[in-house]
């Protein structure tokens, strides 16, 4: 089991940037995929980005491609989400998730508590 704690959320103006961090505990971090999801009140949680165990393969939802970058530091057991050119529609609670396997194809079994990102227009 992996425990996850997100940080870095906040209030930013449209066009601004934020960097989210997710610190993990547990011995398996460097063998599992990691991901970021987001959810607005009353809406389903949606995928934002994922990264494989090594950091060599990433995937993004179309609406954030070119603006968001997911990365990881296995030595620090931390995954990041760099968010640039933020838009009001990026306002959500962002969740970090730990994959069941190295590439994320097995789903995500552990979740953080979430961090609020609010983008003002």
C-alpha atoms as a PDB file:
ATOM      1  CA  UNK A   1       0.000   0.000   0.000  1.00  0.00           C
ATOM      2  CA  UNK A   2       1.248   3.455  -0.891  1.00  0.00           C
ATOM      3  CA  UNK A   3       0.296   6.558   1.093  1.00  0.00           C
ATOM      4  CA  UNK A   4       0.122   9.793  -0.880  1.00  0.00           C
ATOM      5  CA  UNK A   5       0.112  13.434   0.216  1.00  0.00           C
ATOM      6  CA  UNK A   6      -0.439  16.230  -2.301  1.00  0.00           C
ATOM      7  CA  UNK A   7       0.648  19.839  -1.925  1.00  0.00           C
ATOM      8  CA  UNK A   8       1.079  22.951  -4.026  1.00  0.00           C
ATOM      9  CA  UNK A   9      -2.478  23.869  -4.845  1.00  0.00           C
ATOM     10  CA  UNK A  10      -3.802  27.398  -4.509  1.00  0.00           C
ATOM     11  CA  UNK A  11      -5.358  30.396  -6.201  1.00  0.00           C
ATOM     12  CA  UNK A  12      -3.806  31.724  -9.387  1.00  0.00           C
ATOM     13  CA  UNK A  13      -4.869  34.080 -12.156  1.00  0.00           C
ATOM     14  CA  UNK A  14      -5.552  32.782 -15.629  1.00  0.00           C
ATOM     15  CA  UNK A  15      -2.312  32.418 -17.539  1.00  0.00           C
ATOM     16  CA  UNK A  16      -0.361  31.691 -14.388  1.00  0.00           C
ATOM     17  CA  UNK A  17       1.442  28.598 -13.203  1.00  0.00           C
ATOM     18  CA  UNK A  18       1.377  26.163 -10.309  1.00  0.00           C
ATOM     19  CA  UNK A  19       3.430  23.127  -9.419  1.00  0.00           C
ATOM     20  CA  UNK A  20       1.751  20.281  -7.574  1.00  0.00           C
ATOM     21  CA  UNK A  21       3.753  17.727  -5.631  1.00  0.00           C
ATOM     22  CA  UNK A  22       2.770  14.315  -4.357  1.00  0.00           C
ATOM     23  CA  UNK A  23       4.942  12.685  -1.733  1.00  0.00           C
ATOM     24  CA  UNK A  24       4.650   8.921  -1.420  1.00  0.00           C
ATOM     25  CA  UNK A  25       5.542   6.498   1.312  1.00  0.00           C
ATOM     26  CA  UNK A  26       6.067   2.801   0.858  1.00  0.00           C
ATOM     27  CA  UNK A  27       8.748   0.659  -0.707  1.00  0.00           C
ATOM     28  CA  UNK A  28       7.182   0.130  -4.134  1.00  0.00           C
ATOM     29  CA  UNK A  29       7.162   3.706  -5.473  1.00  0.00           C
ATOM     30  CA  UNK A  30       9.918   3.127  -8.016  1.00  0.00           C
ATOM     31  CA  UNK A  31       8.085   0.137  -9.496  1.00  0.00           C
ATOM     32  CA  UNK A  32       4.660   1.664 -10.121  1.00  0.00           C
ATOM     33  CA  UNK A  33       3.067   4.159 -12.460  1.00  0.00           C
ATOM     34  CA  UNK A  34       1.741   7.401 -11.025  1.00  0.00           C
ATOM     35  CA  UNK A  35      -0.986   9.725 -12.196  1.00  0.00           C
ATOM     36  CA  UNK A  36      -2.882  12.925 -11.559  1.00  0.00           C
ATOM     37  CA  UNK A  37      -6.650  13.146 -11.740  1.00  0.00           C
ATOM     38  CA  UNK A  38      -9.006  16.037 -11.066  1.00  0.00           C
ATOM     39  CA  UNK A  39     -12.594  16.419 -10.001  1.00  0.00           C
ATOM     40  CA  UNK A  40     -15.057  19.285  -9.793  1.00  0.00           C
ATOM     41  CA  UNK A  41     -18.079  19.241  -7.464  1.00  0.00           C
ATOM     42  CA  UNK A  42     -20.856  17.173  -8.957  1.00  0.00           C
ATOM     43  CA  UNK A  43     -18.668  15.814 -11.733  1.00  0.00           C
ATOM     44  CA  UNK A  44     -16.843  12.559 -12.241  1.00  0.00           C
ATOM     45  CA  UNK A  45     -13.143  12.346 -11.543  1.00  0.00           C
ATOM     46  CA  UNK A  46     -11.164  12.698 -14.769  1.00  0.00           C
ATOM     47  CA  UNK A  47      -7.722  11.645 -15.833  1.00  0.00           C
ATOM     48  CA  UNK A  48      -5.146  14.419 -16.263  1.00  0.00           C
ATOM     49  CA  UNK A  49      -1.746  12.779 -16.763  1.00  0.00           C
ATOM     50  CA  UNK A  50       0.138   9.590 -16.068  1.00  0.00           C
ATOM     51  CA  UNK A  51       3.800   8.578 -15.951  1.00  0.00           C
ATOM     52  CA  UNK A  52       5.302   5.113 -15.968  1.00  0.00           C
ATOM     53  CA  UNK A  53       7.580   3.693 -13.297  1.00  0.00           C
ATOM     54  CA  UNK A  54      10.774   4.956 -14.936  1.00  0.00           C
ATOM     55  CA  UNK A  55       9.540   8.369 -16.004  1.00  0.00           C
ATOM     56  CA  UNK A  56      10.249   7.616 -19.657  1.00  0.00           C
ATOM     57  CA  UNK A  57       6.622   7.421 -20.793  1.00  0.00           C
ATOM     58  CA  UNK A  58       3.906   9.986 -20.135  1.00  0.00           C
ATOM     59  CA  UNK A  59       0.359  10.527 -21.293  1.00  0.00           C
ATOM     60  CA  UNK A  60      -2.005  13.507 -21.000  1.00  0.00           C
ATOM     61  CA  UNK A  61      -5.623  14.362 -21.580  1.00  0.00           C
ATOM     62  CA  UNK A  62      -5.991  16.467 -24.695  1.00  0.00           C
ATOM     63  CA  UNK A  63      -7.059  19.652 -22.920  1.00  0.00           C
ATOM     64  CA  UNK A  64      -3.791  19.913 -20.954  1.00  0.00           C
ATOM     65  CA  UNK A  65      -1.302  18.797 -23.596  1.00  0.00           C
ATOM     66  CA  UNK A  66       1.408  21.395 -24.091  1.00  0.00           C
ATOM     67  CA  UNK A  67       0.500  23.159 -20.833  1.00  0.00           C
ATOM     68  CA  UNK A  68       0.977  20.503 -18.115  1.00  0.00           C
ATOM     69  CA  UNK A  69       4.027  18.331 -17.477  1.00  0.00           C
ATOM     70  CA  UNK A  70       4.125  15.287 -15.222  1.00  0.00           C
ATOM     71  CA  UNK A  71       7.461  14.150 -13.818  1.00  0.00           C
ATOM     72  CA  UNK A  72       8.821  12.047 -10.992  1.00  0.00           C
ATOM     73  CA  UNK A  73      11.839  11.716  -8.760  1.00  0.00           C
ATOM     74  CA  UNK A  74      12.073   8.125  -7.584  1.00  0.00           C
ATOM     75  CA  UNK A  75      14.859   8.916  -5.125  1.00  0.00           C
ATOM     76  CA  UNK A  76      12.539  11.398  -3.391  1.00  0.00           C
ATOM     77  CA  UNK A  77       9.435   9.243  -3.924  1.00  0.00           C
ATOM     78  CA  UNK A  78       7.678  12.275  -5.354  1.00  0.00           C
ATOM     79  CA  UNK A  79       5.644  12.948  -8.471  1.00  0.00           C
ATOM     80  CA  UNK A  80       5.024  16.446  -9.805  1.00  0.00           C
ATOM     81  CA  UNK A  81       2.537  18.199 -12.037  1.00  0.00           C
ATOM     82  CA  UNK A  82       3.809  21.433 -13.542  1.00  0.00           C
ATOM     83  CA  UNK A  83       0.825  23.446 -14.758  1.00  0.00           C
ATOM     84  CA  UNK A  84       1.384  26.421 -17.051  1.00  0.00           C
ATOM     85  CA  UNK A  85      -0.939  28.790 -18.900  1.00  0.00           C
ATOM     86  CA  UNK A  86      -3.706  27.868 -16.504  1.00  0.00           C
ATOM     87  CA  UNK A  87      -7.311  28.446 -17.493  1.00  0.00           C
ATOM     88  CA  UNK A  88     -10.434  28.906 -15.343  1.00  0.00           C
ATOM     89  CA  UNK A  89     -11.654  25.515 -16.565  1.00  0.00           C
ATOM     90  CA  UNK A  90      -8.628  23.917 -14.870  1.00  0.00           C
ATOM     91  CA  UNK A  91     -10.222  24.756 -11.513  1.00  0.00           C
ATOM     92  CA  UNK A  92     -10.691  21.457  -9.671  1.00  0.00           C
ATOM     93  CA  UNK A  93      -9.484  19.364  -6.804  1.00  0.00           C
ATOM     94  CA  UNK A  94      -6.403  17.526  -8.034  1.00  0.00           C
ATOM     95  CA  UNK A  95      -5.647  14.011  -6.812  1.00  0.00           C
ATOM     96  CA  UNK A  96      -2.478  11.996  -6.984  1.00  0.00           C
ATOM     97  CA  UNK A  97      -2.866   8.264  -7.636  1.00  0.00           C
ATOM     98  CA  UNK A  98      -0.541   5.288  -7.439  1.00  0.00           C
ATOM     99  CA  UNK A  99      -0.765   2.617 -10.092  1.00  0.00           C
ATOM    100  CA  UNK A 100      -1.225  -1.071  -9.459  1.00  0.00           C
ATOM    101  CA  UNK A 101       1.629  -1.885 -11.842  1.00  0.00           C
ATOM    102  CA  UNK A 102       4.540  -0.187 -13.633  1.00  0.00           C
ATOM    103  CA  UNK A 103       2.595   1.218 -16.569  1.00  0.00           C
ATOM    104  CA  UNK A 104      -0.806   2.130 -15.156  1.00  0.00           C
ATOM    105  CA  UNK A 105      -2.726  -0.343 -17.259  1.00  0.00           C
ATOM    106  CA  UNK A 106      -3.846  -2.183 -14.139  1.00  0.00           C
ATOM    107  CA  UNK A 107      -5.593   0.835 -12.714  1.00  0.00           C
ATOM    108  CA  UNK A 108      -4.840   2.962  -9.679  1.00  0.00           C
ATOM    109  CA  UNK A 109      -5.225   1.594  -6.170  1.00  0.00           C
ATOM    110  CA  UNK A 110      -4.108   4.371  -3.829  1.00  0.00           C
ATOM    111  CA  UNK A 111      -5.235   7.992  -3.735  1.00  0.00           C
ATOM    112  CA  UNK A 112      -4.201  11.155  -1.970  1.00  0.00           C
ATOM    113  CA  UNK A 113      -6.566  13.499  -0.173  1.00  0.00           C
ATOM    114  CA  UNK A 114      -6.532  16.069  -2.985  1.00  0.00           C
ATOM    115  CA  UNK A 115      -5.379  19.655  -3.325  1.00  0.00           C
ATOM    116  CA  UNK A 116      -7.551  22.518  -4.554  1.00  0.00           C
ATOM    117  CA  UNK A 117      -6.528  24.474  -7.632  1.00  0.00           C
ATOM    118  CA  UNK A 118      -8.526  27.617  -8.390  1.00  0.00           C
ATOM    119  CA  UNK A 119      -7.884  29.694 -11.501  1.00  0.00           C
ATOM    120  CA  UNK A 120      -9.507  33.110 -11.590  1.00  0.00           C
ATOM    121  CA  UNK A 121     -10.389  34.848 -14.825  1.00  0.00           C
END
